[in-house]
Amino acid sequence: MAIQLNNQMDIGKFFAFVRVASKATFELNPDLMKYLFEMARSFSETHNISIEFVSPSNERLVAFSSGGAAIGALTGYLLASLPGAAIGAVVGAAGGVALAHVKVSIEERQPGDMGPVILKII
């Protein structure tokens, strides 16, 4: 059974599942796709969660993360100049992905399909 996301108020249901990394299937009103991406960017930064939207063939479409690489690079630079910044960027990016990473599959639609967009947290 798919969870219906028909308006902006329903998007919170999606992020409740993302927050606990629980598998679920959603039917999203196509008009809300841009809003969902805007909220995903904000949510990932606020909650230190990396959210990656992929095609059914696992090709990355959009990814949002909390910026662990930038924070790691800044910390590394402050501690050990340029070599520290490079190492800090790698460690920060790896740490950010290791903390919380959620993948969402967006099912392909046929041209002219006016039905909902199917999203699956995998």
PDB file of N, CA and C in Angstrom:
ATOM      1  N   MET A   1       0.839  -1.174   0.000  1.00  0.00           N
ATOM      2  CA  MET A   1       0.000   0.000   0.000  1.00  0.00           C
ATOM      3  C   MET A   1       0.889   1.245   0.000  1.00  0.00           C
ATOM      4  N   ALA A   2       0.595   2.166  -0.893  1.00  0.00           N
ATOM      5  CA  ALA A   2       1.376   3.396  -1.013  1.00  0.00           C
ATOM      6  C   ALA A   2       0.748   4.510  -0.176  1.00  0.00           C
ATOM      7  N   ILE A   3       1.608   5.339   0.372  1.00  0.00           N
ATOM      8  CA  ILE A   3       1.166   6.493   1.156  1.00  0.00           C
ATOM      9  C   ILE A   3       0.954   7.658   0.187  1.00  0.00           C
ATOM     10  N   GLN A   4      -0.204   8.280   0.253  1.00  0.00           N
ATOM     11  CA  GLN A   4      -0.578   9.366  -0.643  1.00  0.00           C
ATOM     12  C   GLN A   4       0.037  10.689  -0.185  1.00  0.00           C
ATOM     13  N   LEU A   5       0.684  11.397  -1.103  1.00  0.00           N
ATOM     14  CA  LEU A   5       1.216  12.737  -0.845  1.00  0.00           C
ATOM     15  C   LEU A   5       0.547  13.675  -1.846  1.00  0.00           C
ATOM     16  N   ASN A   6      -0.599  14.234  -1.447  1.00  0.00           N
ATOM     17  CA  ASN A   6      -1.410  15.024  -2.373  1.00  0.00           C
ATOM     18  C   ASN A   6      -1.257  16.528  -2.230  1.00  0.00           C
ATOM     19  N   ASN A   7      -0.722  16.999  -1.107  1.00  0.00           N
ATOM     20  CA  ASN A   7      -0.542  18.438  -0.909  1.00  0.00           C
ATOM     21  C   ASN A   7       0.717  18.675  -0.081  1.00  0.00           C
ATOM     22  N   GLN A   8       1.069  19.947   0.086  1.00  0.00           N
ATOM     23  CA  GLN A   8       2.309  20.278   0.793  1.00  0.00           C
ATOM     24  C   GLN A   8       2.311  19.793   2.241  1.00  0.00           C
ATOM     25  N   MET A   9       1.161  19.747   2.864  1.00  0.00           N
ATOM     26  CA  MET A   9       1.084  19.280   4.251  1.00  0.00           C
ATOM     27  C   MET A   9       1.439  17.788   4.361  1.00  0.00           C
ATOM     28  N   ASP A  10       1.184  17.023   3.305  1.00  0.00           N
ATOM     29  CA  ASP A  10       1.469  15.586   3.316  1.00  0.00           C
ATOM     30  C   ASP A  10       2.959  15.270   3.198  1.00  0.00           C
ATOM     31  N   ILE A  11       3.770  16.215   2.726  1.00  0.00           N
ATOM     32  CA  ILE A  11       5.203  15.972   2.526  1.00  0.00           C
ATOM     33  C   ILE A  11       5.879  15.584   3.842  1.00  0.00           C
ATOM     34  N   GLY A  12       5.355  16.050   4.958  1.00  0.00           N
ATOM     35  CA  GLY A  12       5.917  15.689   6.263  1.00  0.00           C
ATOM     36  C   GLY A  12       5.913  14.191   6.497  1.00  0.00           C
ATOM     37  N   LYS A  13       4.926  13.487   5.930  1.00  0.00           N
ATOM     38  CA  LYS A  13       4.877  12.022   6.066  1.00  0.00           C
ATOM     39  C   LYS A  13       6.125  11.399   5.439  1.00  0.00           C
ATOM     40  N   PHE A  14       6.502  11.914   4.273  1.00  0.00           N
ATOM     41  CA  PHE A  14       7.677  11.403   3.568  1.00  0.00           C
ATOM     42  C   PHE A  14       8.923  11.564   4.442  1.00  0.00           C
ATOM     43  N   PHE A  15       9.103  12.755   5.024  1.00  0.00           N
ATOM     44  CA  PHE A  15      10.304  13.012   5.819  1.00  0.00           C
ATOM     45  C   PHE A  15      10.304  12.280   7.149  1.00  0.00           C
ATOM     46  N   ALA A  16       9.140  11.922   7.642  1.00  0.00           N
ATOM     47  CA  ALA A  16       9.083  11.087   8.855  1.00  0.00           C
ATOM     48  C   ALA A  16       9.718   9.727   8.564  1.00  0.00           C
ATOM     49  N   PHE A  17       9.436   9.169   7.392  1.00  0.00           N
ATOM     50  CA  PHE A  17      10.031   7.886   7.004  1.00  0.00           C
ATOM     51  C   PHE A  17      11.512   8.044   6.683  1.00  0.00           C
ATOM     52  N   VAL A  18      11.886   9.153   6.041  1.00  0.00           N
ATOM     53  CA  VAL A  18      13.299   9.405   5.730  1.00  0.00           C
ATOM     54  C   VAL A  18      14.107   9.491   7.021  1.00  0.00           C
ATOM     55  N   ARG A  19      13.568  10.183   8.002  1.00  0.00           N
ATOM     56  CA  ARG A  19      14.294  10.393   9.261  1.00  0.00           C
ATOM     57  C   ARG A  19      14.668   9.079   9.936  1.00  0.00           C
ATOM     58  N   VAL A  20      13.798   8.077   9.870  1.00  0.00           N
ATOM     59  CA  VAL A  20      14.092   6.785  10.491  1.00  0.00           C
ATOM     60  C   VAL A  20      14.595   5.758   9.475  1.00  0.00           C
ATOM     61  N   ALA A  21      14.813   6.213   8.229  1.00  0.00           N
ATOM     62  CA  ALA A  21      15.311   5.345   7.147  1.00  0.00           C
ATOM     63  C   ALA A  21      14.479   4.079   7.007  1.00  0.00           C
ATOM     64  N   SER A  22      13.180   4.240   7.055  1.00  0.00           N
ATOM     65  CA  SER A  22      12.263   3.114   6.940  1.00  0.00           C
ATOM     66  C   SER A  22      11.814   2.946   5.497  1.00  0.00           C
ATOM     67  N   LYS A  23      11.784   1.726   5.015  1.00  0.00           N
ATOM     68  CA  LYS A  23      11.333   1.470   3.656  1.00  0.00           C
ATOM     69  C   LYS A  23       9.850   1.771   3.549  1.00  0.00           C
ATOM     70  N   ALA A  24       9.479   2.442   2.458  1.00  0.00           N
ATOM     71  CA  ALA A  24       8.081   2.794   2.231  1.00  0.00           C
ATOM     72  C   ALA A  24       7.892   3.180   0.767  1.00  0.00           C
ATOM     73  N   THR A  25       6.657   3.154   0.325  1.00  0.00           N
ATOM     74  CA  THR A  25       6.296   3.563  -1.027  1.00  0.00           C
ATOM     75  C   THR A  25       5.303   4.713  -0.932  1.00  0.00           C
ATOM     76  N   PHE A  26       5.528   5.729  -1.762  1.00  0.00           N
ATOM     77  CA  PHE A  26       4.691   6.925  -1.753  1.00  0.00           C
ATOM     78  C   PHE A  26       4.177   7.208  -3.154  1.00  0.00           C
ATOM     79  N   GLU A  27       2.973   7.778  -3.224  1.00  0.00           N
ATOM     80  CA  GLU A  27       2.420   8.289  -4.475  1.00  0.00           C
ATOM     81  C   GLU A  27       2.359   9.805  -4.339  1.00  0.00           C
ATOM     82  N   LEU A  28       3.208  10.489  -5.106  1.00  0.00           N
ATOM     83  CA  LEU A  28       3.356  11.935  -5.005  1.00  0.00           C
ATOM     84  C   LEU A  28       2.632  12.630  -6.147  1.00  0.00           C
ATOM     85  N   ASN A  29       1.857  13.654  -5.809  1.00  0.00           N
ATOM     86  CA  ASN A  29       1.248  14.498  -6.819  1.00  0.00           C
ATOM     87  C   ASN A  29       2.387  15.128  -7.628  1.00  0.00           C
ATOM     88  N   PRO A  30       2.404  14.980  -8.963  1.00  0.00           N
ATOM     89  CA  PRO A  30       3.520  15.494  -9.773  1.00  0.00           C
ATOM     90  C   PRO A  30       3.781  16.992  -9.586  1.00  0.00           C
ATOM     91  N   ASP A  31       2.752  17.754  -9.247  1.00  0.00           N
ATOM     92  CA  ASP A  31       2.923  19.192  -9.045  1.00  0.00           C
ATOM     93  C   ASP A  31       3.773  19.511  -7.815  1.00  0.00           C
ATOM     94  N   LEU A  32       3.982  18.539  -6.947  1.00  0.00           N
ATOM     95  CA  LEU A  32       4.739  18.757  -5.705  1.00  0.00           C
ATOM     96  C   LEU A  32       6.211  18.355  -5.804  1.00  0.00           C
ATOM     97  N   MET A  33       6.658  17.888  -6.969  1.00  0.00           N
ATOM     98  CA  MET A  33       8.033  17.390  -7.094  1.00  0.00           C
ATOM     99  C   MET A  33       9.062  18.482  -6.766  1.00  0.00           C
ATOM    100  N   LYS A  34       8.880  19.675  -7.297  1.00  0.00           N
ATOM    101  CA  LYS A  34       9.830  20.766  -7.020  1.00  0.00           C
ATOM    102  C   LYS A  34       9.825  21.097  -5.527  1.00  0.00           C
ATOM    103  N   TYR A  35       8.659  21.157  -4.931  1.00  0.00           N
ATOM    104  CA  TYR A  35       8.551  21.444  -3.495  1.00  0.00           C
ATOM    105  C   TYR A  35       9.249  20.356  -2.678  1.00  0.00           C
ATOM    106  N   LEU A  36       9.072  19.090  -3.077  1.00  0.00           N
ATOM    107  CA  LEU A  36       9.721  17.984  -2.374  1.00  0.00           C
ATOM    108  C   LEU A  36      11.239  18.143  -2.406  1.00  0.00           C
ATOM    109  N   PHE A  37      11.803  18.494  -3.553  1.00  0.00           N
ATOM    110  CA  PHE A  37      13.249  18.673  -3.660  1.00  0.00           C
ATOM    111  C   PHE A  37      13.719  19.850  -2.797  1.00  0.00           C
ATOM    112  N   GLU A  38      12.966  20.943  -2.777  1.00  0.00           N
ATOM    113  CA  GLU A  38      13.329  22.088  -1.938  1.00  0.00           C
ATOM    114  C   GLU A  38      13.336  21.684  -0.463  1.00  0.00           C
ATOM    115  N   MET A  39      12.323  20.946  -0.058  1.00  0.00           N
ATOM    116  CA  MET A  39      12.240  20.503   1.332  1.00  0.00           C
ATOM    117  C   MET A  39      13.331  19.472   1.650  1.00  0.00           C
ATOM    118  N   ALA A  40      13.678  18.624   0.685  1.00  0.00           N
ATOM    119  CA  ALA A  40      14.736  17.625   0.893  1.00  0.00           C
ATOM    120  C   ALA A  40      16.070  18.313   1.144  1.00  0.00           C
ATOM    121  N   ARG A  41      16.340  19.376   0.403  1.00  0.00           N
ATOM    122  CA  ARG A  41      17.589  20.114   0.609  1.00  0.00           C
ATOM    123  C   ARG A  41      17.630  20.697   2.023  1.00  0.00           C
ATOM    124  N   SER A  42      16.576  21.339   2.424  1.00  0.00           N
ATOM    125  CA  SER A  42      16.501  21.929   3.754  1.00  0.00           C
ATOM    126  C   SER A  42      16.572  20.857   4.848  1.00  0.00           C
ATOM    127  N   PHE A  43      15.837  19.774   4.665  1.00  0.00           N
ATOM    128  CA  PHE A  43      15.793  18.688   5.648  1.00  0.00           C
ATOM    129  C   PHE A  43      17.167  18.045   5.823  1.00  0.00           C
ATOM    130  N   SER A  44      17.871  17.823   4.716  1.00  0.00           N
ATOM    131  CA  SER A  44      19.187  17.177   4.805  1.00  0.00           C
ATOM    132  C   SER A  44      20.179  18.054   5.556  1.00  0.00           C
ATOM    133  N   GLU A  45      20.120  19.360   5.337  1.00  0.00           N
ATOM    134  CA  GLU A  45      21.026  20.265   6.041  1.00  0.00           C
ATOM    135  C   GLU A  45      20.682  20.350   7.528  1.00  0.00           C
ATOM    136  N   THR A  46      19.408  20.407   7.838  1.00  0.00           N
ATOM    137  CA  THR A  46      18.964  20.549   9.223  1.00  0.00           C
ATOM    138  C   THR A  46      19.214  19.297  10.053  1.00  0.00           C
ATOM    139  N   HIS A  47      19.019  18.115   9.450  1.00  0.00           N
ATOM    140  CA  HIS A  47      19.073  16.855  10.206  1.00  0.00           C
ATOM    141  C   HIS A  47      20.322  16.012   9.941  1.00  0.00           C
ATOM    142  N   ASN A  48      21.295  16.568   9.206  1.00  0.00           N
ATOM    143  CA  ASN A  48      22.528  15.830   8.879  1.00  0.00           C
ATOM    144  C   ASN A  48      22.240  14.476   8.246  1.00  0.00           C
ATOM    145  N   ILE A  49      21.334  14.474   7.292  1.00  0.00           N
ATOM    146  CA  ILE A  49      20.976  13.261   6.568  1.00  0.00           C
ATOM    147  C   ILE A  49      21.248  13.502   5.091  1.00  0.00           C
ATOM    148  N   SER A  50      21.893  12.552   4.462  1.00  0.00           N
ATOM    149  CA  SER A  50      22.125  12.604   3.025  1.00  0.00           C
ATOM    150  C   SER A  50      20.961  11.900   2.333  1.00  0.00           C
ATOM    151  N   ILE A  51      20.305  12.599   1.400  1.00  0.00           N
ATOM    152  CA  ILE A  51      19.176  12.022   0.671  1.00  0.00           C
ATOM    153  C   ILE A  51      19.548  11.979  -0.801  1.00  0.00           C
ATOM    154  N   GLU A  52      19.508  10.788  -1.369  1.00  0.00           N
ATOM    155  CA  GLU A  52      19.867  10.599  -2.770  1.00  0.00           C
ATOM    156  C   GLU A  52      18.654  10.063  -3.519  1.00  0.00           C
ATOM    157  N   PHE A  53      18.244  10.757  -4.572  1.00  0.00           N
ATOM    158  CA  PHE A  53      17.145  10.312  -5.419  1.00  0.00           C
ATOM    159  C   PHE A  53      17.753   9.616  -6.630  1.00  0.00           C
ATOM    160  N   VAL A  54      17.319   8.383  -6.886  1.00  0.00           N
ATOM    161  CA  VAL A  54      17.883   7.579  -7.965  1.00  0.00           C
ATOM    162  C   VAL A  54      16.778   7.063  -8.877  1.00  0.00           C
ATOM    163  N   SER A  55      17.163   6.690 -10.102  1.00  0.00           N
ATOM    164  CA  SER A  55      16.232   6.055 -11.035  1.00  0.00           C
ATOM    165  C   SER A  55      16.114   4.580 -10.653  1.00  0.00           C
ATOM    166  N   PRO A  56      15.141   3.867 -11.222  1.00  0.00           N
ATOM    167  CA  PRO A  56      15.019   2.434 -10.909  1.00  0.00           C
ATOM    168  C   PRO A  56      16.282   1.640 -11.253  1.00  0.00           C
ATOM    169  N   SER A  57      17.099   2.131 -12.191  1.00  0.00           N
ATOM    170  CA  SER A  57      18.341   1.450 -12.544  1.00  0.00           C
ATOM    171  C   SER A  57      19.502   1.898 -11.653  1.00  0.00           C
ATOM    172  N   ASN A  58      19.189   2.637 -10.562  1.00  0.00           N
ATOM    173  CA  ASN A  58      20.155   3.089  -9.564  1.00  0.00           C
ATOM    174  C   ASN A  58      21.063   4.212 -10.061  1.00  0.00           C
ATOM    175  N   GLU A  59      20.640   4.938 -11.094  1.00  0.00           N
ATOM    176  CA  GLU A  59      21.385   6.085 -11.587  1.00  0.00           C
ATOM    177  C   GLU A  59      21.015   7.307 -10.751  1.00  0.00           C
ATOM    178  N   ARG A  60      22.004   8.017 -10.234  1.00  0.00           N
ATOM    179  CA  ARG A  60      21.741   9.173  -9.373  1.00  0.00           C
ATOM    180  C   ARG A  60      21.092  10.287 -10.184  1.00  0.00           C
ATOM    181  N   LEU A  61      19.959  10.781  -9.681  1.00  0.00           N
ATOM    182  CA  LEU A  61      19.259  11.893 -10.311  1.00  0.00           C
ATOM    183  C   LEU A  61      19.535  13.196  -9.564  1.00  0.00           C
ATOM    184  N   VAL A  62      19.355  13.182  -8.254  1.00  0.00           N
ATOM    185  CA  VAL A  62      19.560  14.356  -7.403  1.00  0.00           C
ATOM    186  C   VAL A  62      20.070  13.859  -6.060  1.00  0.00           C
ATOM    187  N   ALA A  63      20.994  14.594  -5.461  1.00  0.00           N
ATOM    188  CA  ALA A  63      21.472  14.221  -4.121  1.00  0.00           C
ATOM    189  C   ALA A  63      21.601  15.472  -3.276  1.00  0.00           C
ATOM    190  N   PHE A  64      21.183  15.370  -2.030  1.00  0.00           N
ATOM    191  CA  PHE A  64      21.302  16.453  -1.065  1.00  0.00           C
ATOM    192  C   PHE A  64      22.056  15.912   0.136  1.00  0.00           C
ATOM    193  N   SER A  65      22.997  16.713   0.656  1.00  0.00           N
ATOM    194  CA  SER A  65      23.707  16.273   1.859  1.00  0.00           C
ATOM    195  C   SER A  65      23.920  17.470   2.775  1.00  0.00           C
ATOM    196  N   SER A  66      24.416  17.179   3.953  1.00  0.00           N
ATOM    197  CA  SER A  66      24.544  18.211   4.972  1.00  0.00           C
ATOM    198  C   SER A  66      25.827  19.025   4.862  1.00  0.00           C
ATOM    199  N   GLY A  67      26.676  18.744   3.906  1.00  0.00           N
ATOM    200  CA  GLY A  67      27.895  19.525   3.745  1.00  0.00           C
ATOM    201  C   GLY A  67      29.040  19.083   4.626  1.00  0.00           C
ATOM    202  N   GLY A  68      29.149  17.809   4.922  1.00  0.00           N
ATOM    203  CA  GLY A  68      30.235  17.299   5.760  1.00  0.00           C
ATOM    204  C   GLY A  68      31.604  17.593   5.185  1.00  0.00           C
ATOM    205  N   ALA A  69      31.727  17.585   3.855  1.00  0.00           N
ATOM    206  CA  ALA A  69      33.026  17.840   3.228  1.00  0.00           C
ATOM    207  C   ALA A  69      33.490  19.267   3.509  1.00  0.00           C
ATOM    208  N   ALA A  70      32.592  20.227   3.423  1.00  0.00           N
ATOM    209  CA  ALA A  70      32.973  21.624   3.658  1.00  0.00           C
ATOM    210  C   ALA A  70      33.391  21.839   5.110  1.00  0.00           C
ATOM    211  N   ILE A  71      32.650  21.264   6.027  1.00  0.00           N
ATOM    212  CA  ILE A  71      32.985  21.407   7.448  1.00  0.00           C
ATOM    213  C   ILE A  71      34.319  20.727   7.743  1.00  0.00           C
ATOM    214  N   GLY A  72      34.525  19.526   7.186  1.00  0.00           N
ATOM    215  CA  GLY A  72      35.786  18.813   7.386  1.00  0.00           C
ATOM    216  C   GLY A  72      36.963  19.565   6.799  1.00  0.00           C
ATOM    217  N   ALA A  73      36.779  20.159   5.622  1.00  0.00           N
ATOM    218  CA  ALA A  73      37.857  20.909   4.988  1.00  0.00           C
ATOM    219  C   ALA A  73      38.226  22.141   5.809  1.00  0.00           C
ATOM    220  N   LEU A  74      37.235  22.847   6.307  1.00  0.00           N
ATOM    221  CA  LEU A  74      37.501  24.033   7.121  1.00  0.00           C
ATOM    222  C   LEU A  74      38.247  23.660   8.401  1.00  0.00           C
ATOM    223  N   THR A  75      37.783  22.626   9.066  1.00  0.00           N
ATOM    224  CA  THR A  75      38.443  22.177  10.297  1.00  0.00           C
ATOM    225  C   THR A  75      39.877  21.735  10.006  1.00  0.00           C
ATOM    226  N   GLY A  76      40.063  20.962   8.935  1.00  0.00           N
ATOM    227  CA  GLY A  76      41.402  20.508   8.557  1.00  0.00           C
ATOM    228  C   GLY A  76      42.329  21.665   8.230  1.00  0.00           C
ATOM    229  N   TYR A  77      41.805  22.674   7.541  1.00  0.00           N
ATOM    230  CA  TYR A  77      42.637  23.839   7.201  1.00  0.00           C
ATOM    231  C   TYR A  77      43.069  24.593   8.452  1.00  0.00           C
ATOM    232  N   LEU A  78      42.148  24.741   9.384  1.00  0.00           N
ATOM    233  CA  LEU A  78      42.485  25.441  10.618  1.00  0.00           C
ATOM    234  C   LEU A  78      43.552  24.700  11.414  1.00  0.00           C
ATOM    235  N   LEU A  79      43.558  23.374  11.342  1.00  0.00           N
ATOM    236  CA  LEU A  79      44.512  22.575  12.108  1.00  0.00           C
ATOM    237  C   LEU A  79      45.836  22.353  11.384  1.00  0.00           C
ATOM    238  N   ALA A  80      45.798  22.199  10.050  1.00  0.00           N
ATOM    239  CA  ALA A  80      47.032  21.819   9.352  1.00  0.00           C
ATOM    240  C   ALA A  80      47.142  22.412   7.950  1.00  0.00           C
ATOM    241  N   SER A  81      46.630  23.590   7.718  1.00  0.00           N
ATOM    242  CA  SER A  81      46.755  24.296   6.448  1.00  0.00           C
ATOM    243  C   SER A  81      46.206  23.469   5.276  1.00  0.00           C
ATOM    244  N   LEU A  82      46.833  23.569   4.089  1.00  0.00           N
ATOM    245  CA  LEU A  82      46.281  22.920   2.895  1.00  0.00           C
ATOM    246  C   LEU A  82      46.241  21.397   2.952  1.00  0.00           C
ATOM    247  N   PRO A  83      47.286  20.702   3.389  1.00  0.00           N
ATOM    248  CA  PRO A  83      47.163  19.248   3.481  1.00  0.00           C
ATOM    249  C   PRO A  83      46.041  18.831   4.434  1.00  0.00           C
ATOM    250  N   GLY A  84      45.888  19.573   5.514  1.00  0.00           N
ATOM    251  CA  GLY A  84      44.820  19.283   6.464  1.00  0.00           C
ATOM    252  C   GLY A  84      43.450  19.502   5.856  1.00  0.00           C
ATOM    253  N   ALA A  85      43.329  20.515   4.995  1.00  0.00           N
ATOM    254  CA  ALA A  85      42.048  20.796   4.347  1.00  0.00           C
ATOM    255  C   ALA A  85      41.657  19.648   3.421  1.00  0.00           C
ATOM    256  N   ALA A  86      42.613  19.132   2.676  1.00  0.00           N
ATOM    257  CA  ALA A  86      42.324  18.019   1.770  1.00  0.00           C
ATOM    258  C   ALA A  86      41.899  16.776   2.547  1.00  0.00           C
ATOM    259  N   ILE A  87      42.640  16.469   3.584  1.00  0.00           N
ATOM    260  CA  ILE A  87      42.304  15.297   4.401  1.00  0.00           C
ATOM    261  C   ILE A  87      40.964  15.513   5.109  1.00  0.00           C
ATOM    262  N   GLY A  88      40.755  16.719   5.625  1.00  0.00           N
ATOM    263  CA  GLY A  88      39.506  17.031   6.316  1.00  0.00           C
ATOM    264  C   GLY A  88      38.292  16.923   5.411  1.00  0.00           C
ATOM    265  N   ALA A  89      38.452  17.331   4.144  1.00  0.00           N
ATOM    266  CA  ALA A  89      37.340  17.231   3.194  1.00  0.00           C
ATOM    267  C   ALA A  89      36.953  15.778   2.964  1.00  0.00           C
ATOM    268  N   VAL A  90      37.946  14.922   2.800  1.00  0.00           N
ATOM    269  CA  VAL A  90      37.670  13.495   2.581  1.00  0.00           C
ATOM    270  C   VAL A  90      37.027  12.869   3.817  1.00  0.00           C
ATOM    271  N   VAL A  91      37.604  13.137   4.984  1.00  0.00           N
ATOM    272  CA  VAL A  91      37.074  12.574   6.227  1.00  0.00           C
ATOM    273  C   VAL A  91      35.673  13.117   6.501  1.00  0.00           C
ATOM    274  N   GLY A  92      35.460  14.418   6.281  1.00  0.00           N
ATOM    275  CA  GLY A  92      34.147  15.020   6.516  1.00  0.00           C
ATOM    276  C   GLY A  92      33.088  14.457   5.597  1.00  0.00           C
ATOM    277  N   ALA A  93      33.428  14.277   4.326  1.00  0.00           N
ATOM    278  CA  ALA A  93      32.463  13.710   3.372  1.00  0.00           C
ATOM    279  C   ALA A  93      32.143  12.273   3.739  1.00  0.00           C
ATOM    280  N   ALA A  94      33.169  11.488   4.061  1.00  0.00           N
ATOM    281  CA  ALA A  94      32.937  10.085   4.437  1.00  0.00           C
ATOM    282  C   ALA A  94      32.128  10.003   5.723  1.00  0.00           C
ATOM    283  N   GLY A  95      32.448  10.845   6.667  1.00  0.00           N
ATOM    284  CA  GLY A  95      31.703  10.848   7.931  1.00  0.00           C
ATOM    285  C   GLY A  95      30.264  11.250   7.741  1.00  0.00           C
ATOM    286  N   GLY A  96      30.019  12.239   6.882  1.00  0.00           N
ATOM    287  CA  GLY A  96      28.655  12.682   6.625  1.00  0.00           C
ATOM    288  C   GLY A  96      27.803  11.591   6.003  1.00  0.00           C
ATOM    289  N   VAL A  97      28.381  10.842   5.060  1.00  0.00           N
ATOM    290  CA  VAL A  97      27.640   9.756   4.426  1.00  0.00           C
ATOM    291  C   VAL A  97      27.443   8.601   5.395  1.00  0.00           C
ATOM    292  N   ALA A  98      28.437   8.356   6.246  1.00  0.00           N
ATOM    293  CA  ALA A  98      28.336   7.242   7.190  1.00  0.00           C
ATOM    294  C   ALA A  98      27.282   7.493   8.267  1.00  0.00           C
ATOM    295  N   LEU A  99      27.050   8.754   8.624  1.00  0.00           N
ATOM    296  CA  LEU A  99      26.093   9.043   9.680  1.00  0.00           C
ATOM    297  C   LEU A  99      24.675   8.647   9.291  1.00  0.00           C
ATOM    298  N   ALA A 100      24.208   9.128   8.172  1.00  0.00           N
ATOM    299  CA  ALA A 100      22.848   8.816   7.750  1.00  0.00           C
ATOM    300  C   ALA A 100      22.735   9.034   6.247  1.00  0.00           C
ATOM    301  N   HIS A 101      22.328   8.009   5.557  1.00  0.00           N
ATOM    302  CA  HIS A 101      22.197   8.086   4.106  1.00  0.00           C
ATOM    303  C   HIS A 101      20.924   7.358   3.700  1.00  0.00           C
ATOM    304  N   VAL A 102      20.064   8.046   2.981  1.00  0.00           N
ATOM    305  CA  VAL A 102      18.798   7.468   2.552  1.00  0.00           C
ATOM    306  C   VAL A 102      18.716   7.558   1.034  1.00  0.00           C
ATOM    307  N   LYS A 103      18.336   6.454   0.400  1.00  0.00           N
ATOM    308  CA  LYS A 103      18.164   6.403  -1.044  1.00  0.00           C
ATOM    309  C   LYS A 103      16.685   6.318  -1.367  1.00  0.00           C
ATOM    310  N   VAL A 104      16.242   7.141  -2.326  1.00  0.00           N
ATOM    311  CA  VAL A 104      14.847   7.159  -2.748  1.00  0.00           C
ATOM    312  C   VAL A 104      14.808   6.900  -4.249  1.00  0.00           C
ATOM    313  N   SER A 105      14.092   5.863  -4.644  1.00  0.00           N
ATOM    314  CA  SER A 105      13.947   5.525  -6.053  1.00  0.00           C
ATOM    315  C   SER A 105      12.718   6.227  -6.613  1.00  0.00           C
ATOM    316  N   ILE A 106      12.879   6.865  -7.773  1.00  0.00           N
ATOM    317  CA  ILE A 106      11.768   7.503  -8.474  1.00  0.00           C
ATOM    318  C   ILE A 106      11.458   6.639  -9.692  1.00  0.00           C
ATOM    319  N   GLU A 107      10.267   6.046  -9.727  1.00  0.00           N
ATOM    320  CA  GLU A 107       9.911   5.168 -10.838  1.00  0.00           C
ATOM    321  C   GLU A 107       9.704   5.964 -12.116  1.00  0.00           C
ATOM    322  N   GLU A 108      10.094   5.343 -13.232  1.00  0.00           N
ATOM    323  CA  GLU A 108       9.939   5.988 -14.535  1.00  0.00           C
ATOM    324  C   GLU A 108       8.463   6.133 -14.880  1.00  0.00           C
ATOM    325  N   ARG A 109       8.164   7.203 -15.601  1.00  0.00           N
ATOM    326  CA  ARG A 109       6.795   7.460 -16.042  1.00  0.00           C
ATOM    327  C   ARG A 109       6.751   7.444 -17.564  1.00  0.00           C
ATOM    328  N   GLN A 110       5.644   7.050 -18.091  1.00  0.00           N
ATOM    329  CA  GLN A 110       5.452   7.063 -19.538  1.00  0.00           C
ATOM    330  C   GLN A 110       5.108   8.483 -19.976  1.00  0.00           C
ATOM    331  N   PRO A 111       5.504   8.876 -21.197  1.00  0.00           N
ATOM    332  CA  PRO A 111       5.150  10.216 -21.681  1.00  0.00           C
ATOM    333  C   PRO A 111       3.631  10.406 -21.642  1.00  0.00           C
ATOM    334  N   GLY A 112       3.210  11.526 -21.137  1.00  0.00           N
ATOM    335  CA  GLY A 112       1.787  11.824 -21.052  1.00  0.00           C
ATOM    336  C   GLY A 112       1.094  11.246 -19.829  1.00  0.00           C
ATOM    337  N   ASP A 113       1.825  10.508 -18.999  1.00  0.00           N
ATOM    338  CA  ASP A 113       1.242   9.918 -17.788  1.00  0.00           C
ATOM    339  C   ASP A 113       0.922  11.040 -16.808  1.00  0.00           C
ATOM    340  N   MET A 114      -0.331  11.166 -16.432  1.00  0.00           N
ATOM    341  CA  MET A 114      -0.763  12.234 -15.533  1.00  0.00           C
ATOM    342  C   MET A 114      -0.954  11.733 -14.096  1.00  0.00           C
ATOM    343  N   GLY A 115      -0.674  10.451 -13.859  1.00  0.00           N
ATOM    344  CA  GLY A 115      -0.839   9.862 -12.534  1.00  0.00           C
ATOM    345  C   GLY A 115       0.245  10.300 -11.582  1.00  0.00           C
ATOM    346  N   PRO A 116       0.213   9.783 -10.350  1.00  0.00           N
ATOM    347  CA  PRO A 116       1.195  10.179  -9.338  1.00  0.00           C
ATOM    348  C   PRO A 116       2.600   9.660  -9.652  1.00  0.00           C
ATOM    349  N   VAL A 117       3.576  10.339  -9.097  1.00  0.00           N
ATOM    350  CA  VAL A 117       4.973   9.895  -9.182  1.00  0.00           C
ATOM    351  C   VAL A 117       5.173   8.900  -8.044  1.00  0.00           C
ATOM    352  N   ILE A 118       5.733   7.744  -8.350  1.00  0.00           N
ATOM    353  CA  ILE A 118       5.969   6.714  -7.340  1.00  0.00           C
ATOM    354  C   ILE A 118       7.378   6.867  -6.782  1.00  0.00           C
ATOM    355  N   LEU A 119       7.464   7.053  -5.478  1.00  0.00           N
ATOM    356  CA  LEU A 119       8.739   7.175  -4.766  1.00  0.00           C
ATOM    357  C   LEU A 119       8.866   5.988  -3.810  1.00  0.00           C
ATOM    358  N   LYS A 120      10.041   5.379  -3.755  1.00  0.00           N
ATOM    359  CA  LYS A 120      10.291   4.285  -2.827  1.00  0.00           C
ATOM    360  C   LYS A 120      11.561   4.556  -2.051  1.00  0.00           C
ATOM    361  N   ILE A 121      11.456   4.540  -0.729  1.00  0.00           N
ATOM    362  CA  ILE A 121      12.642   4.623   0.110  1.00  0.00           C
ATOM    363  C   ILE A 121      13.234   3.223   0.141  1.00  0.00           C
ATOM    364  N   ILE A 122      14.481   3.098  -0.325  1.00  0.00           N
ATOM    365  CA  ILE A 122      15.107   1.777  -0.420  1.00  0.00           C
ATOM    366  C   ILE A 122      16.321   1.682   0.497  1.00  0.00           C
TER     367      ILE A 122
END
